Amino acid sequence: MFESAEVGCSVDKKEYGKCVATLRTRILKAQHRLAETDLRLVILVGGVEGGGKTEVARRFLDWLDPRGLRVEAYGEPSDEEDERPEYWRYWRTLPAAGSGAVLVGSWYTRPIVRRTFKEIGAGDFDQALDRAIAFESMLVREKTVLVKLWLHLSEKEQKRRFKELESDRDTAWRVTKQDWDFSRKYDRFREVCERALSKTSVAGAAWSVIEATDRRYRDLTAGEAVLAALEAALVRASAPGSKHVPDRAKPPKISVLSRLDLTKRLEGDYSKKFDKQQT
């Protein structure tokens, strides 16, 4: 799956500037159209450590109107979040209709990390992925434009990037012990992620795997993926007949009371019979 994101794609500075100018105009226009609808935009930014997830999130804030877009980053769940249902922490941060959000990390992060370090088995991992599919299916049904981006680096490029960051006093803090832990388990992490992406890349919630070696190519490709999804959703929303969706047929409500025959009557004097039964 990730081989196609290790081919050395790059964009030179001049071409990047030209493409970004057009992209920004179109994506900003699409965002303003989004604000007039009951759609919402959710962009998941996942990927390998060192792939530039935070940088991509900042790029979207640069390109889009920040009044209609926010960024959410998820670390380890708090004590309060651990006491709540699994998806509560994500549900409460979803954007309102007409606006968007960039999620750095998501409901995939914890299952992938736990499976990589063998804290859960294959069965529990697949169940977690099934819950993710169900959650995303619900979001899509409720008019969410869901764009899932996966930023990929080869093992060699990841190590090179970590060493480059560590060599600069101003950026050394960005490389943590956890980053190197993941780097040492790169093959295992890659295997787990391939399973996750292949299982959860479904209609309406497909993954876009992006080669993140060249930053300009990474940012441009991420922006184009969001633009394509957003414009397609706006076209569908404006199509004739798309405004009204008939209610689903509901099964009849059946209870104990609905089965009672209320036409039956007691013969004779009820009070006398009742007193007799009580003696």
C-alpha atoms as a PDB file:
ATOM      1  CA  MET A   1       0.000   0.000   0.000  1.00  0.00           C
ATOM      2  CA  PHE A   2       2.731   2.491   0.934  1.00  0.00           C
ATOM      3  CA  GLU A   3       5.076   1.692  -1.960  1.00  0.00           C
ATOM      4  CA  SER A   4       3.329   4.314  -4.113  1.00  0.00           C
ATOM      5  CA  ALA A   5       4.247   6.934  -1.498  1.00  0.00           C
ATOM      6  CA  GLU A   6       7.987   6.186  -1.689  1.00  0.00           C
ATOM      7  CA  VAL A   7       8.718   7.161  -5.301  1.00  0.00           C
ATOM      8  CA  GLY A   8      10.373  10.520  -4.684  1.00  0.00           C
ATOM      9  CA  CYS A   9       7.578  12.919  -5.687  1.00  0.00           C
ATOM     10  CA  SER A  10       8.522  16.590  -5.404  1.00  0.00           C
ATOM     11  CA  VAL A  11       7.407  20.035  -6.553  1.00  0.00           C
ATOM     12  CA  ASP A  12       9.839  22.878  -7.249  1.00  0.00           C
ATOM     13  CA  LYS A  13       9.354  26.259  -5.629  1.00  0.00           C
ATOM     14  CA  LYS A  14       8.148  28.065  -8.759  1.00  0.00           C
ATOM     15  CA  GLU A  15       5.570  25.426  -9.652  1.00  0.00           C
ATOM     16  CA  TYR A  16       4.441  25.245  -6.052  1.00  0.00           C
ATOM     17  CA  GLY A  17       3.796  28.977  -5.889  1.00  0.00           C
ATOM     18  CA  LYS A  18       1.755  28.874  -9.083  1.00  0.00           C
ATOM     19  CA  CYS A  19      -0.338  25.884  -8.006  1.00  0.00           C
ATOM     20  CA  VAL A  20      -0.934  27.170  -4.486  1.00  0.00           C
ATOM     21  CA  ALA A  21      -2.272  30.505  -5.762  1.00  0.00           C
ATOM     22  CA  THR A  22      -4.969  28.692  -7.741  1.00  0.00           C
ATOM     23  CA  LEU A  23      -5.616  26.173  -4.977  1.00  0.00           C
ATOM     24  CA  ARG A  24      -6.102  28.831  -2.303  1.00  0.00           C
ATOM     25  CA  THR A  25      -8.607  30.740  -4.422  1.00  0.00           C
ATOM     26  CA  ARG A  26     -10.681  27.649  -5.143  1.00  0.00           C
ATOM     27  CA  ILE A  27     -10.565  26.130  -1.675  1.00  0.00           C
ATOM     28  CA  LEU A  28     -11.467  29.437  -0.007  1.00  0.00           C
ATOM     29  CA  LYS A  29     -14.391  29.850  -2.393  1.00  0.00           C
ATOM     30  CA  ALA A  30     -15.512  26.301  -1.598  1.00  0.00           C
ATOM     31  CA  GLN A  31     -15.283  27.034   2.128  1.00  0.00           C
ATOM     32  CA  HIS A  32     -17.527  30.081   1.748  1.00  0.00           C
ATOM     33  CA  ARG A  33     -20.056  27.959  -0.147  1.00  0.00           C
ATOM     34  CA  LEU A  34     -19.829  25.362   2.629  1.00  0.00           C
ATOM     35  CA  ALA A  35     -20.836  28.040   5.146  1.00  0.00           C
ATOM     36  CA  GLU A  36     -24.168  28.422   3.333  1.00  0.00           C
ATOM     37  CA  THR A  37     -25.034  24.723   3.632  1.00  0.00           C
ATOM     38  CA  ASP A  38     -25.755  22.208   6.370  1.00  0.00           C
ATOM     39  CA  LEU A  39     -22.606  20.262   5.473  1.00  0.00           C
ATOM     40  CA  ARG A  40     -19.555  20.127   7.722  1.00  0.00           C
ATOM     41  CA  LEU A  41     -15.925  19.440   6.827  1.00  0.00           C
ATOM     42  CA  VAL A  42     -13.738  17.112   8.896  1.00  0.00           C
ATOM     43  CA  ILE A  43     -10.115  16.565   7.861  1.00  0.00           C
ATOM     44  CA  LEU A  44      -8.218  13.754   9.597  1.00  0.00           C
ATOM     45  CA  VAL A  45      -4.440  14.184   9.431  1.00  0.00           C
ATOM     46  CA  GLY A  46      -2.626  10.997  10.391  1.00  0.00           C
ATOM     47  CA  GLY A  47       0.596   9.305   9.436  1.00  0.00           C
ATOM     48  CA  VAL A  48       4.066   8.332  10.558  1.00  0.00           C
ATOM     49  CA  GLU A  49       5.959  10.320  13.159  1.00  0.00           C
ATOM     50  CA  GLY A  50       7.951  13.076  11.480  1.00  0.00           C
ATOM     51  CA  GLY A  51       5.593  13.241   8.501  1.00  0.00           C
ATOM     52  CA  GLY A  52       4.518  16.801   9.251  1.00  0.00           C
ATOM     53  CA  LYS A  53       0.986  16.404  10.580  1.00  0.00           C
ATOM     54  CA  THR A  54       1.122  19.653  12.538  1.00  0.00           C
ATOM     55  CA  GLU A  55       2.649  21.506   9.584  1.00  0.00           C
ATOM     56  CA  VAL A  56      -0.174  20.387   7.306  1.00  0.00           C
ATOM     57  CA  ALA A  57      -2.754  21.512   9.874  1.00  0.00           C
ATOM     58  CA  ARG A  58      -1.110  24.946  10.006  1.00  0.00           C
ATOM     59  CA  ARG A  59      -1.139  25.111   6.222  1.00  0.00           C
ATOM     60  CA  PHE A  60      -4.900  24.661   6.172  1.00  0.00           C
ATOM     61  CA  LEU A  61      -5.235  27.500   8.674  1.00  0.00           C
ATOM     62  CA  ASP A  62      -3.154  29.654   6.307  1.00  0.00           C
ATOM     63  CA  TRP A  63      -5.162  28.755   3.220  1.00  0.00           C
ATOM     64  CA  LEU A  64      -8.672  28.787   4.667  1.00  0.00           C
ATOM     65  CA  ASP A  65     -10.685  31.332   6.616  1.00  0.00           C
ATOM     66  CA  PRO A  66      -9.843  30.526  10.263  1.00  0.00           C
ATOM     67  CA  ARG A  67     -13.234  31.840  11.361  1.00  0.00           C
ATOM     68  CA  GLY A  68     -14.781  28.725   9.867  1.00  0.00           C
ATOM     69  CA  LEU A  69     -12.025  26.250  10.664  1.00  0.00           C
ATOM     70  CA  ARG A  70     -10.406  25.032  13.845  1.00  0.00           C
ATOM     71  CA  VAL A  71      -7.664  22.553  14.674  1.00  0.00           C
ATOM     72  CA  GLU A  72      -8.016  19.817  17.291  1.00  0.00           C
ATOM     73  CA  ALA A  73      -5.089  17.700  18.484  1.00  0.00           C
ATOM     74  CA  TYR A  74      -5.622  14.565  20.553  1.00  0.00           C
ATOM     75  CA  GLY A  75      -3.097  13.198  23.002  1.00  0.00           C
ATOM     76  CA  GLU A  76      -3.616  10.631  25.714  1.00  0.00           C
ATOM     77  CA  PRO A  77      -7.202  10.741  27.007  1.00  0.00           C
ATOM     78  CA  SER A  78      -7.777  12.604  30.255  1.00  0.00           C
ATOM     79  CA  ASP A  79      -9.286  10.947  33.327  1.00  0.00           C
ATOM     80  CA  GLU A  80     -12.645  12.470  32.422  1.00  0.00           C
ATOM     81  CA  GLU A  81     -12.424  11.172  28.853  1.00  0.00           C
ATOM     82  CA  ASP A  82     -11.481   7.693  30.066  1.00  0.00           C
ATOM     83  CA  GLU A  83     -14.674   7.606  32.117  1.00  0.00           C
ATOM     84  CA  ARG A  84     -16.799   8.473  29.089  1.00  0.00           C
ATOM     85  CA  PRO A  85     -17.734   6.408  26.022  1.00  0.00           C
ATOM     86  CA  GLU A  86     -14.820   5.859  23.647  1.00  0.00           C
ATOM     87  CA  TYR A  87     -15.909   8.391  21.017  1.00  0.00           C
ATOM     88  CA  TRP A  88     -17.138  11.101  23.372  1.00  0.00           C
ATOM     89  CA  ARG A  89     -13.885  13.082  23.177  1.00  0.00           C
ATOM     90  CA  TYR A  90     -14.139  13.218  19.384  1.00  0.00           C
ATOM     91  CA  TRP A  91     -17.867  13.778  19.149  1.00  0.00           C
ATOM     92  CA  ARG A  92     -17.755  16.882  21.369  1.00  0.00           C
ATOM     93  CA  THR A  93     -15.116  18.570  19.180  1.00  0.00           C
ATOM     94  CA  LEU A  94     -16.778  18.026  15.794  1.00  0.00           C
ATOM     95  CA  PRO A  95     -17.587  21.232  13.890  1.00  0.00           C
ATOM     96  CA  ALA A  96     -21.041  22.709  13.508  1.00  0.00           C
ATOM     97  CA  ALA A  97     -22.870  22.698  10.187  1.00  0.00           C
ATOM     98  CA  GLY A  98     -21.294  25.096   7.693  1.00  0.00           C
ATOM     99  CA  SER A  99     -17.831  24.954   9.281  1.00  0.00           C
ATOM    100  CA  GLY A 100     -14.819  22.652   9.404  1.00  0.00           C
ATOM    101  CA  ALA A 101     -12.160  21.127  11.625  1.00  0.00           C
ATOM    102  CA  VAL A 102      -8.708  19.642  11.148  1.00  0.00           C
ATOM    103  CA  LEU A 103      -8.066  16.728  13.500  1.00  0.00           C
ATOM    104  CA  VAL A 104      -4.405  15.985  14.208  1.00  0.00           C
ATOM    105  CA  GLY A 105      -4.594  12.442  15.437  1.00  0.00           C
ATOM    106  CA  SER A 106      -7.981  10.771  15.629  1.00  0.00           C
ATOM    107  CA  TRP A 107      -9.900   7.686  16.695  1.00  0.00           C
ATOM    108  CA  TYR A 108      -7.282   5.640  14.837  1.00  0.00           C
ATOM    109  CA  THR A 109      -4.314   6.762  16.906  1.00  0.00           C
ATOM    110  CA  ARG A 110      -4.853   4.790  20.093  1.00  0.00           C
ATOM    111  CA  PRO A 111      -5.754   1.425  18.476  1.00  0.00           C
ATOM    112  CA  ILE A 112      -2.773   1.670  16.117  1.00  0.00           C
ATOM    113  CA  VAL A 113      -0.352   2.543  18.917  1.00  0.00           C
ATOM    114  CA  ARG A 114      -1.656  -0.204  21.190  1.00  0.00           C
ATOM    115  CA  ARG A 115      -1.514  -2.795  18.423  1.00  0.00           C
ATOM    116  CA  THR A 116       2.005  -1.718  17.424  1.00  0.00           C
ATOM    117  CA  PHE A 117       3.261  -2.258  20.973  1.00  0.00           C
ATOM    118  CA  LYS A 118       1.203  -5.482  21.319  1.00  0.00           C
ATOM    119  CA  GLU A 119      -1.014  -4.146  24.073  1.00  0.00           C
ATOM    120  CA  ILE A 120      -4.038  -5.563  22.230  1.00  0.00           C
ATOM    121  CA  GLY A 121      -4.485  -8.586  19.976  1.00  0.00           C
ATOM    122  CA  ALA A 122      -5.597  -8.786  16.366  1.00  0.00           C
ATOM    123  CA  GLY A 123      -9.220  -9.420  17.334  1.00  0.00           C
ATOM    124  CA  ASP A 124      -9.476  -6.354  19.571  1.00  0.00           C
ATOM    125  CA  PHE A 125      -7.738  -4.283  16.902  1.00  0.00           C
ATOM    126  CA  ASP A 126     -10.225  -5.339  14.226  1.00  0.00           C
ATOM    127  CA  GLN A 127     -13.103  -4.560  16.575  1.00  0.00           C
ATOM    128  CA  ALA A 128     -11.679  -1.067  17.118  1.00  0.00           C
ATOM    129  CA  LEU A 129     -11.500  -0.592  13.347  1.00  0.00           C
ATOM    130  CA  ASP A 130     -15.099  -1.766  12.999  1.00  0.00           C
ATOM    131  CA  ARG A 131     -16.143   0.881  15.523  1.00  0.00           C
ATOM    132  CA  ALA A 132     -14.249   3.505  13.523  1.00  0.00           C
ATOM    133  CA  ILE A 133     -16.054   2.462  10.339  1.00  0.00           C
ATOM    134  CA  ALA A 134     -19.431   2.644  12.098  1.00  0.00           C
ATOM    135  CA  PHE A 135     -18.641   6.077  13.560  1.00  0.00           C
ATOM    136  CA  GLU A 136     -17.523   7.457  10.207  1.00  0.00           C
ATOM    137  CA  SER A 137     -20.559   5.979   8.474  1.00  0.00           C
ATOM    138  CA  MET A 138     -22.750   7.881  10.906  1.00  0.00           C
ATOM    139  CA  LEU A 139     -20.823  11.102  10.260  1.00  0.00           C
ATOM    140  CA  VAL A 140     -21.214  10.743   6.500  1.00  0.00           C
ATOM    141  CA  ARG A 141     -24.958  10.067   6.840  1.00  0.00           C
ATOM    142  CA  GLU A 142     -25.219  13.252   8.882  1.00  0.00           C
ATOM    143  CA  LYS A 143     -23.728  15.329   6.048  1.00  0.00           C
ATOM    144  CA  THR A 144     -20.072  15.342   7.051  1.00  0.00           C
ATOM    145  CA  VAL A 145     -17.499  15.736   4.280  1.00  0.00           C
ATOM    146  CA  LEU A 146     -14.844  13.407   5.685  1.00  0.00           C
ATOM    147  CA  VAL A 147     -11.318  13.676   4.255  1.00  0.00           C
ATOM    148  CA  LYS A 148      -8.717  11.258   5.640  1.00  0.00           C
ATOM    149  CA  LEU A 149      -5.068  12.086   4.910  1.00  0.00           C
ATOM    150  CA  TRP A 150      -2.167   9.765   5.738  1.00  0.00           C
ATOM    151  CA  LEU A 151       1.317  11.292   5.560  1.00  0.00           C
ATOM    152  CA  HIS A 152       3.927   8.656   4.780  1.00  0.00           C
ATOM    153  CA  LEU A 153       7.712   8.553   5.096  1.00  0.00           C
ATOM    154  CA  SER A 154      10.035   5.672   4.349  1.00  0.00           C
ATOM    155  CA  GLU A 155      12.047   4.313   7.269  1.00  0.00           C
ATOM    156  CA  LYS A 156      15.231   5.864   5.897  1.00  0.00           C
ATOM    157  CA  GLU A 157      13.629   9.279   5.439  1.00  0.00           C
ATOM    158  CA  GLN A 158      12.063   9.207   8.882  1.00  0.00           C
ATOM    159  CA  LYS A 159      15.421   8.586  10.572  1.00  0.00           C
ATOM    160  CA  ARG A 160      17.087  11.250   8.445  1.00  0.00           C
ATOM    161  CA  ARG A 161      14.446  13.771   9.425  1.00  0.00           C
ATOM    162  CA  PHE A 162      14.728  12.978  13.133  1.00  0.00           C
ATOM    163  CA  LYS A 163      18.502  13.395  13.037  1.00  0.00           C
ATOM    164  CA  GLU A 164      18.162  16.649  11.122  1.00  0.00           C
ATOM    165  CA  LEU A 165      15.768  18.050  13.703  1.00  0.00           C
ATOM    166  CA  GLU A 166      17.940  16.903  16.615  1.00  0.00           C
ATOM    167  CA  SER A 167      21.024  18.525  15.128  1.00  0.00           C
ATOM    168  CA  ASP A 168      19.441  21.982  15.373  1.00  0.00           C
ATOM    169  CA  ARG A 169      19.140  23.427  18.862  1.00  0.00           C
ATOM    170  CA  ASP A 170      15.943  25.244  17.891  1.00  0.00           C
ATOM    171  CA  THR A 171      14.158  22.110  16.678  1.00  0.00           C
ATOM    172  CA  ALA A 172      15.691  19.337  18.800  1.00  0.00           C
ATOM    173  CA  TRP A 173      12.761  19.504  21.225  1.00  0.00           C
ATOM    174  CA  ARG A 174      10.422  18.293  18.489  1.00  0.00           C
ATOM    175  CA  VAL A 175      11.948  14.797  18.533  1.00  0.00           C
ATOM    176  CA  THR A 176      10.824  12.802  21.556  1.00  0.00           C
ATOM    177  CA  LYS A 177      11.669   9.420  23.015  1.00  0.00           C
ATOM    178  CA  GLN A 178       8.320   8.173  21.704  1.00  0.00           C
ATOM    179  CA  ASP A 179       9.340   9.204  18.174  1.00  0.00           C
ATOM    180  CA  TRP A 180      12.442   7.017  18.377  1.00  0.00           C
ATOM    181  CA  ASP A 181      10.409   4.184  19.922  1.00  0.00           C
ATOM    182  CA  PHE A 182       8.186   4.251  16.847  1.00  0.00           C
ATOM    183  CA  SER A 183      11.202   4.484  14.577  1.00  0.00           C
ATOM    184  CA  ARG A 184      12.685   1.315  16.092  1.00  0.00           C
ATOM    185  CA  LYS A 185       9.366  -0.436  15.452  1.00  0.00           C
ATOM    186  CA  TYR A 186       8.931   1.011  11.979  1.00  0.00           C
ATOM    187  CA  ASP A 187       8.219  -2.307  10.233  1.00  0.00           C
ATOM    188  CA  ARG A 188       5.705  -3.325  12.875  1.00  0.00           C
ATOM    189  CA  PHE A 189       4.035   0.104  12.772  1.00  0.00           C
ATOM    190  CA  ARG A 190       3.848  -0.024   8.992  1.00  0.00           C
ATOM    191  CA  GLU A 191       2.229  -3.460   9.035  1.00  0.00           C
ATOM    192  CA  VAL A 192      -0.385  -2.348  11.557  1.00  0.00           C
ATOM    193  CA  CYS A 193      -1.137   0.827   9.611  1.00  0.00           C
ATOM    194  CA  GLU A 194      -1.516  -1.061   6.344  1.00  0.00           C
ATOM    195  CA  ARG A 195      -4.136  -3.239   8.011  1.00  0.00           C
ATOM    196  CA  ALA A 196      -5.936  -0.209   9.442  1.00  0.00           C
ATOM    197  CA  LEU A 197      -6.005   1.779   6.217  1.00  0.00           C
ATOM    198  CA  SER A 198      -6.987  -1.109   3.964  1.00  0.00           C
ATOM    199  CA  LYS A 199      -9.883  -2.081   6.243  1.00  0.00           C
ATOM    200  CA  THR A 200     -11.222   1.439   6.825  1.00  0.00           C
ATOM    201  CA  SER A 201     -10.795   2.939   3.362  1.00  0.00           C
ATOM    202  CA  VAL A 202     -14.445   2.686   2.343  1.00  0.00           C
ATOM    203  CA  ALA A 203     -16.860   4.643   0.166  1.00  0.00           C
ATOM    204  CA  GLY A 204     -17.355   8.128   1.574  1.00  0.00           C
ATOM    205  CA  ALA A 205     -14.384   7.722   3.926  1.00  0.00           C
ATOM    206  CA  ALA A 206     -11.420   6.682   1.778  1.00  0.00           C
ATOM    207  CA  TRP A 207      -7.816   7.381   2.753  1.00  0.00           C
ATOM    208  CA  SER A 208      -5.467   9.523   0.680  1.00  0.00           C
ATOM    209  CA  VAL A 209      -1.911   8.275   1.238  1.00  0.00           C
ATOM    210  CA  ILE A 210       0.509  11.147   0.608  1.00  0.00           C
ATOM    211  CA  GLU A 211       4.271  10.981   0.238  1.00  0.00           C
ATOM    212  CA  ALA A 212       5.572  13.454   2.824  1.00  0.00           C
ATOM    213  CA  THR A 213       9.279  13.519   1.931  1.00  0.00           C
ATOM    214  CA  ASP A 214       8.996  16.766  -0.043  1.00  0.00           C
ATOM    215  CA  ARG A 215       7.108  19.328   2.029  1.00  0.00           C
ATOM    216  CA  ARG A 216       5.807  21.301  -0.938  1.00  0.00           C
ATOM    217  CA  TYR A 217       4.447  18.176  -2.620  1.00  0.00           C
ATOM    218  CA  ARG A 218       2.929  17.018   0.681  1.00  0.00           C
ATOM    219  CA  ASP A 219       1.113  20.283   1.348  1.00  0.00           C
ATOM    220  CA  LEU A 220      -0.096  20.728  -2.220  1.00  0.00           C
ATOM    221  CA  THR A 221      -1.388  17.161  -2.481  1.00  0.00           C
ATOM    222  CA  ALA A 222      -3.169  17.433   0.870  1.00  0.00           C
ATOM    223  CA  GLY A 223      -4.843  20.655  -0.217  1.00  0.00           C
ATOM    224  CA  GLU A 224      -5.924  19.188  -3.545  1.00  0.00           C
ATOM    225  CA  ALA A 225      -7.450  16.156  -1.811  1.00  0.00           C
ATOM    226  CA  VAL A 226      -9.526  18.380   0.461  1.00  0.00           C
ATOM    227  CA  LEU A 227     -10.577  20.633  -2.412  1.00  0.00           C
ATOM    228  CA  ALA A 228     -11.692  17.697  -4.564  1.00  0.00           C
ATOM    229  CA  ALA A 229     -13.781  16.187  -1.755  1.00  0.00           C
ATOM    230  CA  LEU A 230     -15.327  19.515  -0.787  1.00  0.00           C
ATOM    231  CA  GLU A 231     -16.244  20.556  -4.331  1.00  0.00           C
ATOM    232  CA  ALA A 232     -17.761  17.140  -5.062  1.00  0.00           C
ATOM    233  CA  ALA A 233     -19.874  17.333  -1.893  1.00  0.00           C
ATOM    234  CA  LEU A 234     -21.092  20.825  -2.770  1.00  0.00           C
ATOM    235  CA  VAL A 235     -22.131  19.664  -6.238  1.00  0.00           C
ATOM    236  CA  ARG A 236     -24.094  16.778  -4.737  1.00  0.00           C
ATOM    237  CA  ALA A 237     -25.727  19.072  -2.194  1.00  0.00           C
ATOM    238  CA  SER A 238     -26.902  21.480  -4.903  1.00  0.00           C
ATOM    239  CA  ALA A 239     -28.276  18.760  -7.192  1.00  0.00           C
ATOM    240  CA  PRO A 240     -32.065  18.765  -7.766  1.00  0.00           C
ATOM    241  CA  GLY A 241     -33.873  16.635  -5.228  1.00  0.00           C
ATOM    242  CA  SER A 242     -30.981  16.613  -2.760  1.00  0.00           C
ATOM    243  CA  LYS A 243     -32.655  18.974  -0.317  1.00  0.00           C
ATOM    244  CA  HIS A 244     -35.251  16.533   0.922  1.00  0.00           C
ATOM    245  CA  VAL A 245     -34.463  12.995   1.973  1.00  0.00           C
ATOM    246  CA  PRO A 246     -37.577  10.933   2.785  1.00  0.00           C
ATOM    247  CA  ASP A 247     -37.762   9.578   6.306  1.00  0.00           C
ATOM    248  CA  ARG A 248     -36.910   5.924   6.660  1.00  0.00           C
ATOM    249  CA  ALA A 249     -39.851   3.605   7.221  1.00  0.00           C
ATOM    250  CA  LYS A 250     -40.136   2.873  10.929  1.00  0.00           C
ATOM    251  CA  PRO A 251     -41.318  -0.471  12.304  1.00  0.00           C
ATOM    252  CA  PRO A 252     -44.526  -0.376  14.363  1.00  0.00           C
ATOM    253  CA  LYS A 253     -44.015   0.059  18.080  1.00  0.00           C
ATOM    254  CA  ILE A 254     -45.043  -3.136  19.844  1.00  0.00           C
ATOM    255  CA  SER A 255     -45.288  -3.400  23.613  1.00  0.00           C
ATOM    256  CA  VAL A 256     -47.149  -5.405  26.249  1.00  0.00           C
ATOM    257  CA  LEU A 257     -49.907  -2.779  26.336  1.00  0.00           C
ATOM    258  CA  SER A 258     -50.382  -2.888  22.572  1.00  0.00           C
ATOM    259  CA  ARG A 259     -51.213  -6.594  22.851  1.00  0.00           C
ATOM    260  CA  LEU A 260     -53.943  -6.161  25.521  1.00  0.00           C
ATOM    261  CA  ASP A 261     -57.540  -6.715  24.443  1.00  0.00           C
ATOM    262  CA  LEU A 262     -59.282  -3.719  26.000  1.00  0.00           C
ATOM    263  CA  THR A 263     -62.696  -4.791  24.649  1.00  0.00           C
ATOM    264  CA  LYS A 264     -63.106  -7.586  27.209  1.00  0.00           C
ATOM    265  CA  ARG A 265     -65.519  -6.933  30.108  1.00  0.00           C
ATOM    266  CA  LEU A 266     -66.327  -8.682  33.389  1.00  0.00           C
ATOM    267  CA  GLU A 267     -69.844 -10.050  33.684  1.00  0.00           C
ATOM    268  CA  GLY A 268     -71.976  -9.134  36.711  1.00  0.00           C
ATOM    269  CA  ASP A 269     -71.141  -6.934  39.655  1.00  0.00           C
ATOM    270  CA  TYR A 270     -67.357  -6.474  39.759  1.00  0.00           C
ATOM    271  CA  SER A 271     -67.319  -5.156  43.341  1.00  0.00           C
ATOM    272  CA  LYS A 272     -69.105  -8.211  44.761  1.00  0.00           C
ATOM    273  CA  LYS A 273     -66.827 -10.613  42.923  1.00  0.00           C
ATOM    274  CA  PHE A 274     -63.749  -8.686  44.039  1.00  0.00           C
ATOM    275  CA  ASP A 275     -64.829  -8.795  47.719  1.00  0.00           C
ATOM    276  CA  LYS A 276     -65.509 -12.506  47.428  1.00  0.00           C
ATOM    277  CA  GLN A 277     -62.024 -13.163  46.056  1.00  0.00           C
ATOM    278  CA  GLN A 278     -60.465 -11.201  48.909  1.00  0.00           C
ATOM    279  CA  THR A 279     -62.158 -13.287  51.660  1.00  0.00           C
END
